[in-house]
Protein backbone atom coordinates (compact mmCIF):
# COMPACT_ATOMS: atom_id res chain seq x y z
CA MET A 1 34.85 28.33 -108.96
CA LEU A 2 37.63 29.41 -106.58
CA THR A 3 39.68 26.22 -106.84
CA PHE A 4 42.64 28.20 -108.20
CA LEU A 5 43.21 29.50 -104.66
CA PRO A 6 45.72 27.76 -102.36
CA GLY A 7 44.33 24.99 -100.13
CA PRO A 8 44.80 26.87 -96.82
CA VAL A 9 42.90 29.88 -98.22
CA LEU A 10 40.06 27.62 -99.38
CA PHE A 11 39.96 26.02 -95.93
CA ILE A 12 39.64 29.37 -94.15
CA LEU A 13 37.01 30.54 -96.64
CA SER A 14 34.95 27.34 -96.40
CA LEU A 15 35.20 27.30 -92.59
CA THR A 16 34.05 30.92 -92.38
CA LEU A 17 31.11 30.34 -94.72
CA LEU A 18 30.15 27.13 -92.94
CA ILE A 19 30.10 28.89 -89.56
CA ILE A 20 27.98 31.73 -90.98
CA ASN A 21 25.58 29.29 -92.68
CA THR A 22 25.18 27.09 -89.60
CA SER A 23 24.87 30.05 -87.22
CA LEU A 24 22.21 31.72 -89.37
CA TRP A 25 19.91 28.73 -89.79
CA GLY A 26 20.75 27.38 -86.33
CA SER A 27 19.63 30.67 -84.79
CA LEU A 28 16.36 30.59 -86.70
CA LEU A 29 15.81 26.99 -85.58
CA THR A 30 16.44 28.07 -81.99
CA VAL A 31 13.84 30.83 -82.28
CA GLY A 32 11.40 28.29 -83.70
CA GLY A 33 12.16 25.97 -80.79
CA ILE A 34 11.42 28.71 -78.27
CA ILE A 35 8.09 29.45 -79.98
CA LYS A 36 7.21 25.74 -79.91
CA LEU A 37 7.97 25.68 -76.20
CA LEU A 38 5.83 28.74 -75.50
CA LEU A 39 2.92 27.66 -77.73
CA PRO A 40 2.54 23.91 -77.13
CA PHE A 41 -0.48 23.45 -79.40
CA LYS A 42 -0.44 20.60 -81.90
CA ALA A 43 -1.63 22.64 -84.90
CA ILE A 44 0.91 25.41 -84.28
CA ARG A 45 3.71 22.91 -83.66
CA SER A 46 2.88 21.11 -86.90
CA VAL A 47 3.16 24.32 -88.93
CA LEU A 48 6.36 25.32 -87.12
CA THR A 49 7.91 21.90 -87.81
CA GLN A 50 7.27 22.37 -91.53
CA ILE A 51 8.95 25.78 -91.35
CA MET A 52 11.87 24.32 -89.39
CA ASN A 53 12.30 21.63 -92.04
CA ARG A 54 12.53 24.36 -94.70
CA PHE A 55 15.25 26.01 -92.63
CA MET A 56 17.17 22.72 -92.64
CA TRP A 57 16.58 22.47 -96.40
CA ALA A 58 18.03 25.97 -96.79
CA TRP A 59 21.06 25.00 -94.65
CA ALA A 60 21.70 21.98 -96.87
CA THR A 61 21.24 24.03 -100.05
CA CYS A 62 23.65 26.72 -98.83
CA ASN A 63 26.18 24.00 -98.02
CA GLY A 64 25.92 22.96 -101.66
CA GLY A 65 26.59 26.54 -102.69
CA ILE A 66 29.70 26.65 -100.49
CA LEU A 67 30.94 23.41 -102.06
CA TYR A 68 30.36 24.84 -105.55
CA LEU A 69 32.38 27.89 -104.57
CA ILE A 70 35.41 26.19 -103.02
CA SER A 71 35.61 22.83 -104.82
CA ASN A 72 35.06 21.07 -108.11
CA ILE A 73 33.34 17.90 -106.89
CA GLU A 74 31.88 15.40 -109.34
CA TRP A 75 28.68 14.00 -107.78
CA ASP A 76 28.17 10.41 -108.97
CA ILE A 77 24.71 9.57 -107.64
CA SER A 78 22.29 6.74 -108.49
CA GLY A 79 18.95 5.55 -107.12
CA LEU A 80 17.24 8.91 -106.58
CA GLU A 81 14.62 8.32 -109.27
CA LYS A 82 12.84 5.75 -107.08
CA LEU A 83 12.36 8.09 -104.12
CA ASP A 84 9.26 10.01 -102.98
CA PRO A 85 9.37 13.37 -101.13
CA ASN A 86 6.17 12.30 -99.35
CA GLY A 87 7.38 8.88 -98.26
CA TRP A 88 8.45 7.52 -94.90
CA TYR A 89 11.98 6.09 -94.95
CA LEU A 90 14.35 4.33 -92.60
CA ILE A 91 17.88 4.85 -93.89
CA ILE A 92 21.00 2.85 -93.10
CA SER A 93 24.39 4.05 -94.27
CA ASN A 94 28.09 3.54 -93.83
CA HIS A 95 29.78 6.38 -91.96
CA VAL A 96 33.05 7.70 -93.36
CA SER A 97 33.50 11.24 -92.09
CA GLY A 98 32.02 14.39 -90.59
CA PHE A 99 31.19 15.42 -94.16
CA ASP A 100 28.66 12.59 -94.59
CA ILE A 101 25.71 14.47 -93.08
CA ALA A 102 26.29 17.57 -95.22
CA ALA A 103 26.68 15.44 -98.35
CA GLN A 104 23.59 13.34 -97.71
CA THR A 105 21.28 16.20 -96.70
CA TYR A 106 22.39 18.15 -99.79
CA VAL A 107 21.89 15.26 -102.25
CA LEU A 108 18.62 13.98 -100.75
CA ARG A 109 16.98 17.29 -99.80
CA ASN A 110 14.57 17.37 -102.79
CA HIS A 111 13.91 13.63 -102.99
CA ILE A 112 12.86 12.54 -99.49
CA PRO A 113 11.72 14.33 -96.31
CA MET A 114 14.55 16.05 -94.44
CA LEU A 115 16.72 13.64 -92.50
CA LYS A 116 16.14 13.00 -88.80
CA PHE A 117 18.77 11.53 -86.49
CA PHE A 118 18.40 9.65 -83.23
CA LEU A 119 20.41 11.70 -80.75
CA LYS A 120 21.70 11.06 -77.25
CA LYS A 121 19.58 12.79 -74.62
CA GLU A 122 22.65 14.70 -73.37
CA LEU A 123 22.78 16.63 -76.66
CA LEU A 124 19.45 18.25 -75.83
CA TYR A 125 21.29 20.54 -73.42
CA VAL A 126 23.92 21.72 -75.91
CA PRO A 127 23.31 25.46 -76.61
CA ILE A 128 21.60 26.21 -79.94
CA MET A 129 22.16 22.68 -81.29
CA GLY A 130 19.95 20.96 -78.71
CA LEU A 131 16.96 23.27 -79.05
CA GLY A 132 17.37 23.42 -82.83
CA CYS A 133 17.30 19.63 -83.14
CA TRP A 134 14.32 19.48 -80.79
CA ALA A 135 12.54 22.04 -82.97
CA LEU A 136 13.13 19.72 -85.94
CA ASP A 137 11.44 16.91 -83.97
CA MET A 138 14.58 14.83 -83.86
CA PRO A 139 14.16 12.10 -81.22
CA PHE A 140 16.38 12.24 -78.15
CA MET A 141 17.04 8.82 -76.67
CA ASP A 142 17.88 7.93 -73.09
CA ARG A 143 19.22 4.43 -73.65
CA THR A 144 19.64 2.09 -70.70
CA SER A 145 23.25 0.94 -70.34
CA PRO A 146 24.10 -2.79 -70.71
CA ALA A 147 25.22 -2.81 -67.06
CA LYS A 148 21.80 -1.59 -65.88
CA LEU A 149 20.03 -4.08 -68.16
CA LYS A 150 22.09 -6.89 -66.69
CA LYS A 151 21.08 -5.88 -63.17
CA ASN A 152 17.44 -5.30 -64.11
CA PRO A 153 16.31 -7.00 -67.39
CA LYS A 154 12.85 -5.42 -67.04
CA LEU A 155 14.35 -2.09 -68.09
CA ARG A 156 14.70 -3.40 -71.67
CA GLY A 157 11.01 -2.72 -72.27
CA LYS A 158 11.49 0.84 -71.05
CA ASP A 159 13.93 1.52 -73.91
CA LEU A 160 11.41 0.28 -76.46
CA GLU A 161 8.66 2.42 -74.96
CA THR A 162 10.97 5.46 -75.05
CA THR A 163 11.64 4.81 -78.75
CA ARG A 164 7.92 4.49 -79.50
CA LYS A 165 7.14 7.78 -77.75
CA ALA A 166 9.96 9.51 -79.63
CA CYS A 167 8.57 8.26 -82.94
CA GLU A 168 4.94 9.24 -82.27
CA ARG A 169 5.51 12.76 -83.62
CA PHE A 170 6.37 11.24 -87.04
CA LYS A 171 2.94 9.72 -87.60
CA ASP A 172 1.39 12.88 -89.04
CA SER A 173 4.03 13.93 -91.54
CA PRO A 174 6.43 12.12 -93.91
CA THR A 175 9.76 11.43 -92.24
CA SER A 176 13.21 10.07 -93.04
CA ILE A 177 15.19 8.61 -90.15
CA ILE A 178 18.87 7.80 -90.73
CA ASN A 179 20.92 5.35 -88.69
CA TYR A 180 24.68 4.94 -89.09
CA VAL A 181 24.59 1.32 -87.99
CA GLU A 182 28.36 1.01 -87.52
CA GLY A 183 27.97 3.34 -84.56
CA SER A 184 31.12 5.32 -85.38
CA ARG A 185 33.01 6.84 -88.29
CA PHE A 186 35.25 4.43 -90.14
CA THR A 187 39.00 4.49 -89.57
CA GLU A 188 41.54 1.79 -90.32
CA GLU A 189 42.52 1.77 -86.66
CA LYS A 190 38.93 1.03 -85.58
CA ARG A 191 38.59 -1.65 -88.27
CA LEU A 192 41.68 -3.46 -86.99
CA ARG A 193 40.65 -3.06 -83.36
CA GLN A 194 37.24 -4.60 -84.14
CA ASP A 195 38.80 -7.34 -86.26
CA SER A 196 36.19 -6.31 -88.83
CA PRO A 197 35.70 -8.85 -91.66
CA TYR A 198 35.24 -5.97 -94.13
CA GLN A 199 37.88 -3.99 -96.03
CA HIS A 200 36.18 -0.61 -95.91
CA LEU A 201 33.58 -0.92 -93.14
CA LEU A 202 33.16 -1.48 -89.43
CA ARG A 203 30.87 -4.17 -88.07
CA PRO A 204 27.18 -3.15 -88.33
CA LYS A 205 25.02 -3.14 -85.20
CA ALA A 206 21.46 -4.36 -85.61
CA SER A 207 19.92 -3.22 -82.31
CA GLY A 208 19.35 0.43 -83.30
CA ILE A 209 17.34 -0.24 -86.45
CA ALA A 210 15.57 -3.15 -84.75
CA PHE A 211 14.35 -0.72 -82.06
CA THR A 212 13.13 1.71 -84.72
CA LEU A 213 11.42 -0.99 -86.83
CA SER A 214 9.72 -2.51 -83.82
CA ALA A 215 8.46 0.93 -82.79
CA MET A 216 7.21 2.27 -86.15
CA GLY A 217 8.09 -0.25 -88.86
CA GLU A 218 4.54 -0.23 -90.24
CA GLN A 219 4.87 3.48 -91.07
CA PHE A 220 7.93 3.22 -93.30
CA THR A 221 7.45 3.11 -97.07
CA ASN A 222 10.88 1.58 -97.69
CA LEU A 223 14.28 0.95 -96.23
CA LEU A 224 17.04 2.91 -98.00
CA ASN A 225 20.49 1.34 -98.03
CA ILE A 226 22.93 4.16 -98.83
CA THR A 227 26.57 3.59 -99.70
CA LEU A 228 28.97 6.54 -99.54
CA VAL A 229 32.37 6.45 -101.23
CA TYR A 230 35.06 9.11 -101.53
CA PRO A 231 37.24 7.29 -104.09
CA ASP A 232 40.08 9.83 -104.18
CA THR A 233 40.16 10.51 -100.43
CA SER A 234 41.09 7.66 -98.11
CA GLU A 235 41.06 9.65 -94.85
CA ASN A 236 40.43 13.13 -93.39
CA VAL A 237 37.58 13.58 -95.87
CA LEU A 238 36.12 16.73 -94.29
CA SER A 239 39.49 18.46 -94.22
CA ASN A 240 40.21 17.48 -97.82
CA VAL A 241 36.82 18.80 -98.94
CA MET A 242 37.42 22.13 -97.19
CA HIS A 243 40.87 22.37 -98.79
CA GLY A 244 39.33 21.75 -102.23
CA ARG A 245 41.18 18.46 -102.68
CA THR A 246 38.23 16.06 -102.90
CA LYS A 247 37.20 15.64 -106.53
CA LYS A 248 34.48 12.99 -106.43
CA VAL A 249 31.65 11.81 -104.19
CA VAL A 250 29.86 8.55 -104.98
CA MET A 251 26.47 7.81 -103.45
CA ARG A 252 24.44 4.71 -104.22
CA VAL A 253 20.84 4.54 -102.98
CA GLU A 254 19.25 1.08 -102.86
CA VAL A 255 15.51 0.92 -102.16
CA LEU A 256 14.57 -2.18 -100.15
CA PRO A 257 11.40 -3.57 -98.55
CA VAL A 258 10.98 -2.80 -94.86
CA PRO A 259 11.96 -5.80 -92.71
CA HIS A 260 9.37 -6.86 -90.18
CA VAL A 261 10.54 -6.85 -86.57
CA ASP A 262 8.23 -8.13 -83.87
CA SER A 263 9.36 -6.47 -80.66
CA THR A 264 8.26 -9.31 -78.39
CA ASP A 265 9.94 -12.00 -80.46
CA TYR A 266 13.08 -10.03 -81.33
CA PHE A 267 14.04 -9.06 -77.80
CA ALA A 268 13.03 -12.40 -76.26
CA ASN A 269 14.40 -14.78 -78.88
CA ALA A 270 18.16 -14.97 -79.48
CA ASP A 271 17.66 -16.93 -82.73
CA THR A 272 15.53 -14.12 -84.16
CA ARG A 273 18.23 -11.58 -83.32
CA VAL A 274 20.85 -13.77 -85.00
CA VAL A 275 18.78 -14.02 -88.20
CA PHE A 276 18.30 -10.24 -88.31
CA GLN A 277 22.01 -9.62 -87.70
CA ARG A 278 22.91 -12.03 -90.52
CA TRP A 279 20.60 -10.13 -92.86
CA LEU A 280 22.37 -6.88 -91.97
CA ASN A 281 25.79 -8.53 -92.28
CA GLN A 282 24.92 -9.66 -95.82
CA LEU A 283 24.04 -6.09 -96.77
CA TRP A 284 27.43 -5.02 -95.40
CA ILE A 285 29.25 -7.71 -97.42
CA GLU A 286 27.64 -6.35 -100.59
CA LYS A 287 28.30 -2.76 -99.53
CA ASP A 288 31.96 -3.52 -98.87
CA GLN A 289 32.31 -5.02 -102.35
CA LEU A 290 30.56 -2.03 -103.93
CA ILE A 291 32.94 0.38 -102.17
CA ASP A 292 35.95 -1.64 -103.32
CA ASP A 293 34.65 -1.73 -106.91
CA GLU A 294 34.18 2.06 -106.96
CA ILE A 295 37.68 2.66 -105.59
CA GLN A 296 39.24 0.24 -108.08
CA HIS A 297 37.30 1.80 -110.97
CA HIS A 298 38.48 5.28 -109.96
CA GLN A 299 42.11 4.19 -109.68
CA GLN A 300 42.04 2.60 -113.16
CA LYS A 301 40.99 5.86 -114.82
């Protein structure tokens, strides 16, 4: 709508609106978090969580309005017709930029329950953000470092128990948990440093989703394999979006059966872990080819 404006003006406008949008809904989430702390009753917390999820829905919807105002993005989406707003989903996705979360929450907000993210425990103490995420029932993880596990292997079971406790709150209401299995946003520098076998992806890490599946795999309706592509933006995606330069977002949603992970076998048997990692690697081979096909198709237009 306002794409006729210069890029720097669009950036300032989008940044201002994003700050206002996030501050508004973040403040309401913080208030909800305080109420949940003061009234620790299950029935009240359940109602408040539903309200908090609507606040997150409103944040995602307002982000879409900002994008409509400052850009002219073509949304090329497929796979949404197979989704259920009342389902339980574990989502894996490639991670391209800081824009990914805004794009995915906006596109998926009416098709699956609002996204939940596993967060580091340290983020709980970040003002506004920490309490807001806690109010949304996002799980905060206190993962044991590899060094500590090496010194005391018995601590490995503690991590699994922490994950199970964090997931208990999801048993009563439909939930979508997303895991960026590469562990970091993609850059060419990181790809080369990793010696990644993929053109457009970093190496996927299986341990995070294995923990989640072993803790609550029986609850999930499906695994969603999401592929994000910004075919006309090779880097600095968020900045390009805010400057109105990004013209297309491609999102492919593949609905898959939920893999079974037996916690005892997976963490005790190296062969089982290898098989699971190979399964994930194969998904990444196909994802890498899909990303390349979308980029090539866009360039040939």
